[in-house]
C-alpha atoms as a PDB file:
ATOM      1  CA  MET A   1      99.181-229.727 118.409  1.00  0.00           C
ATOM      2  CA  ARG A   2     101.453-230.383 121.368  1.00  0.00           C
ATOM      3  CA  PRO A   3      99.958-230.403 124.880  1.00  0.00           C
ATOM      4  CA  ARG A   4     102.122-227.411 125.870  1.00  0.00           C
ATOM      5  CA  ALA A   5     100.750-225.399 122.953  1.00  0.00           C
ATOM      6  CA  TRP A   6      97.207-226.129 124.158  1.00  0.00           C
ATOM      7  CA  LEU A   7      98.219-224.985 127.634  1.00  0.00           C
ATOM      8  CA  VAL A   8      99.519-221.670 126.283  1.00  0.00           C
ATOM      9  CA  LEU A   9      96.410-221.163 124.176  1.00  0.00           C
ATOM     10  CA  GLY A  10      94.199-221.951 127.177  1.00  0.00           C
ATOM     11  CA  CYS A  11      96.060-219.463 129.380  1.00  0.00           C
ATOM     12  CA  MET A  12      95.692-216.732 126.795  1.00  0.00           C
ATOM     13  CA  MET A  13      91.989-217.419 126.278  1.00  0.00           C
ATOM     14  CA  ALA A  14      91.315-217.589 130.035  1.00  0.00           C
ATOM     15  CA  ALA A  15      92.619-214.050 130.441  1.00  0.00           C
ATOM     16  CA  GLY A  16      89.672-212.811 128.362  1.00  0.00           C
ATOM     17  CA  PRO A  17      89.381-209.439 126.681  1.00  0.00           C
ATOM     18  CA  SER A  18      90.087-206.387 128.780  1.00  0.00           C
ATOM     19  CA  ALA A  19      88.232-203.090 128.533  1.00  0.00           C
ATOM     20  CA  ALA A  20      91.059-201.731 126.383  1.00  0.00           C
ATOM     21  CA  ASP A  21      90.514-204.550 123.849  1.00  0.00           C
ATOM     22  CA  THR A  22      86.779-203.932 123.481  1.00  0.00           C
ATOM     23  CA  LYS A  23      86.810-200.161 123.002  1.00  0.00           C
ATOM     24  CA  PRO A  24      86.417-198.897 119.441  1.00  0.00           C
ATOM     25  CA  GLY A  25      89.539-197.466 117.876  1.00  0.00           C
ATOM     26  CA  HIS A  26      90.104-193.751 117.623  1.00  0.00           C
ATOM     27  CA  PRO A  27      90.770-192.326 114.167  1.00  0.00           C
ATOM     28  CA  GLY A  28      94.406-191.465 113.633  1.00  0.00           C
ATOM     29  CA  GLY A  29      95.610-193.646 116.526  1.00  0.00           C
ATOM     30  CA  THR A  30      98.302-196.304 116.487  1.00  0.00           C
ATOM     31  CA  ALA A  31      97.082-199.884 116.039  1.00  0.00           C
ATOM     32  CA  VAL A  32      97.800-202.144 119.013  1.00  0.00           C
ATOM     33  CA  LYS A  33      97.677-205.941 118.846  1.00  0.00           C
ATOM     34  CA  PRO A  34      95.974-207.490 121.904  1.00  0.00           C
ATOM     35  CA  VAL A  35      98.425-210.444 121.962  1.00  0.00           C
ATOM     36  CA  VAL A  36     101.942-210.718 120.534  1.00  0.00           C
ATOM     37  CA  CYS A  37     103.848-214.029 120.467  1.00  0.00           C
ATOM     38  CA  ARG A  38     107.428-214.200 119.318  1.00  0.00           C
ATOM     39  CA  ALA A  39     110.432-216.466 119.464  1.00  0.00           C
ATOM     40  CA  VAL A  40     113.135-215.324 121.879  1.00  0.00           C
ATOM     41  CA  ALA A  41     116.253-216.033 119.809  1.00  0.00           C
ATOM     42  CA  ASP A  42     118.592-214.840 122.593  1.00  0.00           C
ATOM     43  CA  ALA A  43     117.239-217.622 124.829  1.00  0.00           C
ATOM     44  CA  ARG A  44     118.108-220.456 122.427  1.00  0.00           C
ATOM     45  CA  GLY A  45     119.998-223.224 124.236  1.00  0.00           C
ATOM     46  CA  LYS A  46     119.923-221.479 127.616  1.00  0.00           C
ATOM     47  CA  SER A  47     118.452-222.505 130.958  1.00  0.00           C
ATOM     48  CA  GLY A  48     118.196-221.197 134.494  1.00  0.00           C
ATOM     49  CA  GLN A  49     119.455-217.682 135.129  1.00  0.00           C
ATOM     50  CA  GLU A  50     120.617-217.163 131.522  1.00  0.00           C
ATOM     51  CA  LEU A  51     117.140-218.047 130.218  1.00  0.00           C
ATOM     52  CA  ALA A  52     115.516-215.697 132.736  1.00  0.00           C
ATOM     53  CA  GLN A  53     117.807-212.840 131.696  1.00  0.00           C
ATOM     54  CA  ALA A  54     117.068-213.385 127.994  1.00  0.00           C
ATOM     55  CA  LEU A  55     113.309-213.343 128.702  1.00  0.00           C
ATOM     56  CA  GLU A  56     113.677-210.239 130.843  1.00  0.00           C
ATOM     57  CA  ARG A  57     115.523-208.411 128.044  1.00  0.00           C
ATOM     58  CA  ASP A  58     112.755-209.369 125.614  1.00  0.00           C
ATOM     59  CA  ALA A  59     110.023-208.229 128.031  1.00  0.00           C
ATOM     60  CA  ILE A  60     111.783-204.906 128.622  1.00  0.00           C
ATOM     61  CA  GLU A  61     111.551-204.177 124.882  1.00  0.00           C
ATOM     62  CA  LEU A  62     107.747-204.490 124.947  1.00  0.00           C
ATOM     63  CA  ALA A  63     106.993-203.057 128.400  1.00  0.00           C
ATOM     64  CA  PRO A  64     107.041-199.371 127.333  1.00  0.00           C
ATOM     65  CA  ASN A  65     104.234-200.172 124.855  1.00  0.00           C
ATOM     66  CA  GLY A  66     102.009-201.658 127.566  1.00  0.00           C
ATOM     67  CA  TYR A  67     102.681-205.387 127.016  1.00  0.00           C
ATOM     68  CA  VAL A  68     103.148-207.879 129.863  1.00  0.00           C
ATOM     69  CA  LEU A  69     104.376-211.482 129.670  1.00  0.00           C
ATOM     70  CA  THR A  70     101.354-213.783 129.609  1.00  0.00           C
ATOM     71  CA  ALA A  71     102.647-217.165 128.494  1.00  0.00           C
ATOM     72  CA  PHE A  72     105.895-218.973 127.814  1.00  0.00           C
ATOM     73  CA  LEU A  73     106.267-221.991 125.541  1.00  0.00           C
ATOM     74  CA  PRO A  74     109.531-223.888 126.063  1.00  0.00           C
ATOM     75  CA  GLY A  75     111.385-224.959 122.969  1.00  0.00           C
ATOM     76  CA  ASP A  76     114.421-224.074 120.911  1.00  0.00           C
ATOM     77  CA  PRO A  77     114.017-221.141 120.663  1.00  0.00           C
ATOM     78  CA  PRO A  78     111.378-220.580 123.362  1.00  0.00           C
ATOM     79  CA  VAL A  79     108.276-218.570 122.488  1.00  0.00           C
ATOM     80  CA  ALA A  80     107.054-215.750 124.737  1.00  0.00           C
ATOM     81  CA  CYS A  81     103.521-214.340 124.454  1.00  0.00           C
ATOM     82  CA  TYR A  82     102.662-210.857 125.643  1.00  0.00           C
ATOM     83  CA  ARG A  83      99.238-209.295 126.254  1.00  0.00           C
ATOM     84  CA  HIS A  84      98.566-205.594 125.877  1.00  0.00           C
ATOM     85  CA  GLU A  85      97.338-204.235 129.216  1.00  0.00           C
ATOM     86  CA  GLY A  86      98.489-200.638 129.178  1.00  0.00           C
ATOM     87  CA  PRO A  87      97.262-197.540 127.458  1.00  0.00           C
ATOM     88  CA  PRO A  88      97.858-197.465 123.709  1.00  0.00           C
ATOM     89  CA  PRO A  89     100.996-195.640 122.596  1.00  0.00           C
ATOM     90  CA  LYS A  90     100.577-192.064 121.512  1.00  0.00           C
ATOM     91  CA  PRO A  91     100.503-191.510 117.725  1.00  0.00           C
ATOM     92  CA  GLY A  92     103.988-191.052 116.354  1.00  0.00           C
ATOM     93  CA  ALA A  93     105.645-192.497 119.498  1.00  0.00           C
ATOM     94  CA  ARG A  94     108.117-195.344 119.129  1.00  0.00           C
END
């Protein structure tokens, strides 16, 4: 595994579980993943301000569901990891 990948994994593990992650689920609720990592295809081949804007657009998609950017792994395409820190979405909400 690359050193940068270990760095990302270490950052995510250092954050530790939050109270929202340790509470038992409620029946009928929407499942929420504690950590989501995904490739940011819009950021492929970009740097500087263009890279920042592509990451911001990606983060804005997940922000309404309570996710915040936790880690960033440079590459082509770069990988952004988000941690759930907000309240779970209401059932049926998109």
